[in-house]
Amino acid sequence: MKSKYEAGMTGQHEAEKFLLAKGAKILERNYRVRTGEIDLIARDGEFIVFVEVKYRRNLSFGLPREAVGGAKQQKIIHTAMHYISAKKLSSHDFRFDVVEILEQNGQIFANHIENAFGA
């Protein structure tokens, strides 16, 4: 059985592969500041995309996306605002996505939810 850290890294790796296959370019991984962390920051066309990755081995705690509640969204938004300011990207369009990864019976299923929440 994987540790929580290993499971998180598995989920993030799978989400990254999934986004790359869709044509996104990964700009940052595990961007951290005092206000929080963003799992992945990507460019998708003209958008800067702040991606929260949620991984589950089963559905006993619900769908992975259900773990991205209001408080988590606010932390991501505040962290994204810091990134936008630090990188001087205020003229770019951006969005907040969730990639949920479900691993069952050795198979990986990915679901990309674009514009999962807004600032």
N, C-alpha and C. Protein backbone atom coordinates (compact mmCIF):
# COMPACT_ATOMS: atom_id res chain seq x y z
N MET A 1 0.84 -1.18 0.00
CA MET A 1 0.00 0.00 0.00
C MET A 1 0.88 1.25 0.00
N LYS A 2 0.50 2.22 -0.79
CA LYS A 2 1.27 3.45 -0.91
C LYS A 2 1.04 4.36 0.28
N SER A 3 2.09 5.10 0.66
CA SER A 3 1.92 6.12 1.68
C SER A 3 1.11 7.27 1.08
N LYS A 4 0.65 8.16 1.94
CA LYS A 4 -0.12 9.31 1.46
C LYS A 4 0.72 10.15 0.47
N TYR A 5 1.99 10.33 0.80
CA TYR A 5 2.87 11.09 -0.09
C TYR A 5 3.03 10.39 -1.44
N GLU A 6 3.29 9.08 -1.41
CA GLU A 6 3.45 8.32 -2.66
C GLU A 6 2.18 8.36 -3.49
N ALA A 7 1.03 8.23 -2.83
CA ALA A 7 -0.25 8.29 -3.55
C ALA A 7 -0.42 9.66 -4.20
N GLY A 8 -0.09 10.70 -3.46
CA GLY A 8 -0.20 12.06 -4.01
C GLY A 8 0.71 12.26 -5.21
N MET A 9 1.92 11.75 -5.12
CA MET A 9 2.86 11.88 -6.23
C MET A 9 2.41 11.05 -7.44
N THR A 10 1.82 9.88 -7.18
CA THR A 10 1.27 9.07 -8.27
C THR A 10 0.17 9.86 -8.97
N GLY A 11 -0.73 10.42 -8.20
CA GLY A 11 -1.82 11.20 -8.78
C GLY A 11 -1.32 12.39 -9.58
N GLN A 12 -0.35 13.10 -9.02
CA GLN A 12 0.18 14.27 -9.71
C GLN A 12 0.89 13.87 -11.00
N HIS A 13 1.65 12.81 -10.96
CA HIS A 13 2.35 12.33 -12.16
C HIS A 13 1.34 11.94 -13.25
N GLU A 14 0.29 11.22 -12.87
CA GLU A 14 -0.73 10.81 -13.84
C GLU A 14 -1.47 12.03 -14.39
N ALA A 15 -1.78 12.99 -13.54
CA ALA A 15 -2.46 14.21 -14.00
C ALA A 15 -1.58 14.98 -14.98
N GLU A 16 -0.29 15.04 -14.68
CA GLU A 16 0.63 15.74 -15.56
C GLU A 16 0.70 15.06 -16.92
N LYS A 17 0.82 13.74 -16.95
CA LYS A 17 0.83 13.01 -18.21
C LYS A 17 -0.45 13.27 -19.00
N PHE A 18 -1.57 13.26 -18.30
CA PHE A 18 -2.87 13.48 -18.93
C PHE A 18 -2.93 14.88 -19.56
N LEU A 19 -2.49 15.90 -18.82
CA LEU A 19 -2.52 17.27 -19.34
C LEU A 19 -1.56 17.45 -20.51
N LEU A 20 -0.38 16.87 -20.42
CA LEU A 20 0.58 16.95 -21.52
C LEU A 20 0.01 16.31 -22.79
N ALA A 21 -0.67 15.19 -22.63
CA ALA A 21 -1.27 14.50 -23.79
C ALA A 21 -2.36 15.36 -24.43
N LYS A 22 -2.97 16.25 -23.65
CA LYS A 22 -4.00 17.15 -24.17
C LYS A 22 -3.39 18.42 -24.77
N GLY A 23 -2.06 18.54 -24.71
CA GLY A 23 -1.40 19.68 -25.33
C GLY A 23 -1.01 20.80 -24.38
N ALA A 24 -1.22 20.63 -23.10
CA ALA A 24 -0.84 21.66 -22.13
C ALA A 24 0.67 21.63 -21.92
N LYS A 25 1.20 22.76 -21.47
CA LYS A 25 2.62 22.85 -21.13
C LYS A 25 2.70 23.12 -19.63
N ILE A 26 3.45 22.30 -18.91
CA ILE A 26 3.59 22.46 -17.47
C ILE A 26 4.60 23.57 -17.19
N LEU A 27 4.17 24.57 -16.41
CA LEU A 27 5.04 25.69 -16.06
C LEU A 27 5.67 25.52 -14.68
N GLU A 28 4.89 24.98 -13.75
CA GLU A 28 5.36 24.82 -12.36
C GLU A 28 4.74 23.56 -11.77
N ARG A 29 5.47 22.97 -10.83
CA ARG A 29 4.98 21.84 -10.05
C ARG A 29 5.10 22.21 -8.58
N ASN A 30 4.07 21.95 -7.81
CA ASN A 30 4.09 22.17 -6.36
C ASN A 30 4.53 23.60 -6.00
N TYR A 31 3.86 24.57 -6.59
CA TYR A 31 4.16 25.98 -6.31
C TYR A 31 3.67 26.31 -4.91
N ARG A 32 4.61 26.69 -4.04
CA ARG A 32 4.27 26.95 -2.64
C ARG A 32 4.61 28.37 -2.23
N VAL A 33 3.69 28.97 -1.51
CA VAL A 33 3.93 30.24 -0.82
C VAL A 33 3.24 30.12 0.54
N ARG A 34 3.34 31.16 1.33
CA ARG A 34 2.77 31.14 2.68
C ARG A 34 1.28 30.82 2.67
N THR A 35 0.55 31.29 1.66
CA THR A 35 -0.90 31.11 1.63
C THR A 35 -1.35 29.72 1.21
N GLY A 36 -0.45 28.93 0.59
CA GLY A 36 -0.87 27.60 0.17
C GLY A 36 0.02 27.04 -0.92
N GLU A 37 -0.52 26.01 -1.58
CA GLU A 37 0.22 25.31 -2.63
C GLU A 37 -0.71 25.02 -3.80
N ILE A 38 -0.15 25.07 -4.99
CA ILE A 38 -0.86 24.68 -6.19
C ILE A 38 -0.10 23.50 -6.78
N ASP A 39 -0.81 22.42 -7.05
CA ASP A 39 -0.16 21.20 -7.52
C ASP A 39 0.55 21.40 -8.85
N LEU A 40 -0.17 21.91 -9.83
CA LEU A 40 0.40 22.14 -11.16
C LEU A 40 -0.07 23.48 -11.70
N ILE A 41 0.83 24.15 -12.38
CA ILE A 41 0.47 25.37 -13.12
C ILE A 41 0.87 25.09 -14.56
N ALA A 42 -0.08 25.30 -15.45
CA ALA A 42 0.14 24.94 -16.86
C ALA A 42 -0.32 26.07 -17.77
N ARG A 43 0.12 25.99 -19.00
CA ARG A 43 -0.38 26.87 -20.05
C ARG A 43 -1.19 25.98 -20.99
N ASP A 44 -2.42 26.38 -21.23
CA ASP A 44 -3.31 25.68 -22.15
C ASP A 44 -3.81 26.72 -23.14
N GLY A 45 -3.18 26.77 -24.30
CA GLY A 45 -3.51 27.83 -25.25
C GLY A 45 -3.15 29.18 -24.66
N GLU A 46 -4.13 30.06 -24.58
CA GLU A 46 -3.90 31.40 -24.03
C GLU A 46 -4.10 31.45 -22.51
N PHE A 47 -4.51 30.35 -21.91
CA PHE A 47 -4.82 30.33 -20.48
C PHE A 47 -3.63 29.89 -19.64
N ILE A 48 -3.46 30.54 -18.50
CA ILE A 48 -2.63 30.03 -17.43
C ILE A 48 -3.61 29.25 -16.55
N VAL A 49 -3.30 27.98 -16.30
CA VAL A 49 -4.23 27.10 -15.61
C VAL A 49 -3.63 26.65 -14.28
N PHE A 50 -4.37 26.89 -13.21
CA PHE A 50 -3.98 26.46 -11.87
C PHE A 50 -4.74 25.17 -11.60
N VAL A 51 -3.99 24.08 -11.41
CA VAL A 51 -4.58 22.74 -11.36
C VAL A 51 -4.45 22.13 -9.98
N GLU A 52 -5.58 21.75 -9.42
CA GLU A 52 -5.59 20.96 -8.19
C GLU A 52 -5.79 19.50 -8.59
N VAL A 53 -4.91 18.64 -8.11
CA VAL A 53 -4.98 17.21 -8.43
C VAL A 53 -5.51 16.48 -7.21
N LYS A 54 -6.50 15.63 -7.44
CA LYS A 54 -7.05 14.80 -6.38
C LYS A 54 -7.01 13.34 -6.82
N TYR A 55 -6.42 12.52 -5.98
CA TYR A 55 -6.20 11.10 -6.29
C TYR A 55 -6.95 10.25 -5.27
N ARG A 56 -7.57 9.20 -5.75
CA ARG A 56 -8.25 8.24 -4.87
C ARG A 56 -7.99 6.82 -5.38
N ARG A 57 -7.89 5.90 -4.42
CA ARG A 57 -7.76 4.49 -4.75
C ARG A 57 -9.12 3.80 -4.78
N ASN A 58 -10.10 4.45 -4.19
CA ASN A 58 -11.47 3.93 -4.19
C ASN A 58 -12.42 5.10 -3.93
N LEU A 59 -13.69 4.82 -3.97
CA LEU A 59 -14.69 5.89 -3.82
C LEU A 59 -15.34 5.90 -2.44
N SER A 60 -14.73 5.24 -1.46
CA SER A 60 -15.33 5.19 -0.13
C SER A 60 -15.40 6.58 0.54
N PHE A 61 -14.58 7.52 0.10
CA PHE A 61 -14.65 8.89 0.61
C PHE A 61 -15.26 9.83 -0.42
N GLY A 62 -15.92 9.29 -1.43
CA GLY A 62 -16.54 10.10 -2.47
C GLY A 62 -15.63 10.31 -3.65
N LEU A 63 -16.13 11.07 -4.60
CA LEU A 63 -15.34 11.40 -5.79
C LEU A 63 -14.17 12.29 -5.40
N PRO A 64 -13.06 12.16 -6.08
CA PRO A 64 -11.90 13.00 -5.74
C PRO A 64 -12.22 14.50 -5.75
N ARG A 65 -13.00 14.94 -6.72
CA ARG A 65 -13.30 16.39 -6.85
C ARG A 65 -14.05 16.93 -5.65
N GLU A 66 -14.75 16.07 -4.92
CA GLU A 66 -15.52 16.51 -3.76
C GLU A 66 -14.62 17.00 -2.62
N ALA A 67 -13.33 16.70 -2.70
CA ALA A 67 -12.37 17.14 -1.68
C ALA A 67 -11.88 18.56 -1.91
N VAL A 68 -12.35 19.20 -2.98
CA VAL A 68 -11.93 20.57 -3.28
C VAL A 68 -13.09 21.51 -2.91
N GLY A 69 -13.26 21.69 -1.61
CA GLY A 69 -14.34 22.53 -1.10
C GLY A 69 -14.00 24.00 -1.12
N GLY A 70 -14.87 24.79 -0.55
CA GLY A 70 -14.72 26.24 -0.57
C GLY A 70 -13.44 26.75 0.05
N ALA A 71 -13.07 26.21 1.21
CA ALA A 71 -11.84 26.67 1.88
C ALA A 71 -10.61 26.34 1.03
N LYS A 72 -10.57 25.16 0.45
CA LYS A 72 -9.45 24.76 -0.41
C LYS A 72 -9.40 25.65 -1.65
N GLN A 73 -10.55 25.93 -2.22
CA GLN A 73 -10.60 26.80 -3.40
C GLN A 73 -10.04 28.17 -3.07
N GLN A 74 -10.39 28.73 -1.92
CA GLN A 74 -9.90 30.06 -1.54
C GLN A 74 -8.39 30.07 -1.37
N LYS A 75 -7.83 29.00 -0.78
CA LYS A 75 -6.38 28.92 -0.64
C LYS A 75 -5.70 28.88 -2.01
N ILE A 76 -6.28 28.12 -2.93
CA ILE A 76 -5.72 28.02 -4.28
C ILE A 76 -5.80 29.38 -4.97
N ILE A 77 -6.93 30.05 -4.85
CA ILE A 77 -7.11 31.36 -5.47
C ILE A 77 -6.09 32.37 -4.93
N HIS A 78 -5.92 32.41 -3.61
CA HIS A 78 -4.94 33.35 -3.02
C HIS A 78 -3.52 33.02 -3.49
N THR A 79 -3.20 31.75 -3.56
CA THR A 79 -1.87 31.34 -4.02
C THR A 79 -1.68 31.69 -5.49
N ALA A 80 -2.72 31.51 -6.28
CA ALA A 80 -2.66 31.86 -7.70
C ALA A 80 -2.46 33.37 -7.88
N MET A 81 -3.14 34.16 -7.07
CA MET A 81 -2.97 35.62 -7.17
C MET A 81 -1.52 36.01 -6.87
N HIS A 82 -0.91 35.32 -5.92
CA HIS A 82 0.50 35.57 -5.62
C HIS A 82 1.36 35.24 -6.84
N TYR A 83 1.11 34.10 -7.46
CA TYR A 83 1.86 33.67 -8.64
C TYR A 83 1.69 34.68 -9.78
N ILE A 84 0.47 35.08 -10.03
CA ILE A 84 0.19 36.05 -11.11
C ILE A 84 0.94 37.35 -10.88
N SER A 85 0.94 37.82 -9.64
CA SER A 85 1.65 39.04 -9.30
C SER A 85 3.16 38.87 -9.42
N ALA A 86 3.69 37.78 -8.87
CA ALA A 86 5.13 37.55 -8.88
C ALA A 86 5.68 37.39 -10.30
N LYS A 87 4.89 36.77 -11.17
CA LYS A 87 5.34 36.52 -12.54
C LYS A 87 4.86 37.59 -13.53
N LYS A 88 4.16 38.61 -12.99
CA LYS A 88 3.66 39.72 -13.82
C LYS A 88 2.80 39.21 -14.98
N LEU A 89 1.80 38.41 -14.64
CA LEU A 89 0.93 37.78 -15.63
C LEU A 89 -0.49 38.33 -15.61
N SER A 90 -0.69 39.49 -15.06
CA SER A 90 -2.05 40.01 -14.89
C SER A 90 -2.77 40.24 -16.22
N SER A 91 -2.05 40.33 -17.32
CA SER A 91 -2.70 40.53 -18.61
C SER A 91 -3.17 39.22 -19.25
N HIS A 92 -2.83 38.09 -18.64
CA HIS A 92 -3.22 36.78 -19.18
C HIS A 92 -4.58 36.34 -18.65
N ASP A 93 -5.23 35.49 -19.43
CA ASP A 93 -6.44 34.82 -18.96
C ASP A 93 -6.00 33.63 -18.11
N PHE A 94 -6.76 33.33 -17.08
CA PHE A 94 -6.44 32.17 -16.27
C PHE A 94 -7.72 31.48 -15.83
N ARG A 95 -7.54 30.23 -15.39
CA ARG A 95 -8.68 29.45 -14.89
C ARG A 95 -8.18 28.45 -13.85
N PHE A 96 -9.15 27.90 -13.13
CA PHE A 96 -8.87 26.93 -12.08
C PHE A 96 -9.50 25.60 -12.47
N ASP A 97 -8.67 24.58 -12.61
CA ASP A 97 -9.12 23.25 -13.01
C ASP A 97 -8.86 22.25 -11.90
N VAL A 98 -9.60 21.17 -11.95
CA VAL A 98 -9.35 20.02 -11.08
C VAL A 98 -9.14 18.82 -11.98
N VAL A 99 -8.09 18.05 -11.70
CA VAL A 99 -7.90 16.78 -12.37
C VAL A 99 -8.05 15.71 -11.29
N GLU A 100 -9.06 14.88 -11.47
CA GLU A 100 -9.25 13.81 -10.52
C GLU A 100 -8.72 12.52 -11.13
N ILE A 101 -7.97 11.79 -10.30
CA ILE A 101 -7.36 10.54 -10.71
C ILE A 101 -7.92 9.45 -9.81
N LEU A 102 -8.45 8.42 -10.44
CA LEU A 102 -8.98 7.27 -9.71
C LEU A 102 -8.22 6.04 -10.17
N GLU A 103 -7.65 5.32 -9.21
CA GLU A 103 -6.92 4.08 -9.52
C GLU A 103 -7.72 2.91 -8.97
N GLN A 104 -8.19 2.07 -9.87
CA GLN A 104 -8.95 0.89 -9.46
C GLN A 104 -8.45 -0.33 -10.22
N ASN A 105 -8.17 -1.39 -9.47
CA ASN A 105 -7.70 -2.64 -10.06
C ASN A 105 -6.50 -2.44 -10.99
N GLY A 106 -5.60 -1.56 -10.59
CA GLY A 106 -4.40 -1.32 -11.38
C GLY A 106 -4.59 -0.42 -12.59
N GLN A 107 -5.81 0.04 -12.82
CA GLN A 107 -6.07 0.94 -13.94
C GLN A 107 -6.23 2.37 -13.44
N ILE A 108 -5.76 3.31 -14.24
CA ILE A 108 -5.85 4.72 -13.90
C ILE A 108 -6.92 5.36 -14.76
N PHE A 109 -7.80 6.09 -14.11
CA PHE A 109 -8.84 6.86 -14.80
C PHE A 109 -8.65 8.33 -14.44
N ALA A 110 -8.63 9.18 -15.46
CA ALA A 110 -8.45 10.61 -15.24
C ALA A 110 -9.67 11.36 -15.74
N ASN A 111 -10.04 12.39 -15.00
CA ASN A 111 -11.14 13.26 -15.38
C ASN A 111 -10.69 14.70 -15.18
N HIS A 112 -10.71 15.48 -16.25
CA HIS A 112 -10.27 16.87 -16.21
C HIS A 112 -11.50 17.78 -16.16
N ILE A 113 -11.61 18.54 -15.09
CA ILE A 113 -12.74 19.46 -14.93
C ILE A 113 -12.20 20.88 -15.13
N GLU A 114 -12.45 21.42 -16.32
CA GLU A 114 -12.01 22.79 -16.62
C GLU A 114 -12.95 23.78 -15.95
N ASN A 115 -12.39 24.92 -15.53
CA ASN A 115 -13.18 25.95 -14.86
C ASN A 115 -13.97 25.37 -13.69
N ALA A 116 -13.32 24.56 -12.88
CA ALA A 116 -13.98 23.89 -11.77
C ALA A 116 -14.50 24.89 -10.74
N PHE A 117 -13.81 26.02 -10.62
CA PHE A 117 -14.25 27.10 -9.73
C PHE A 117 -13.62 28.38 -10.21
N GLY A 118 -14.04 29.50 -9.67
CA GLY A 118 -13.55 30.78 -10.16
C GLY A 118 -13.11 31.71 -9.06
N ALA A 119 -12.37 32.72 -9.47
CA ALA A 119 -11.87 33.73 -8.53
C ALA A 119 -12.91 34.81 -8.33
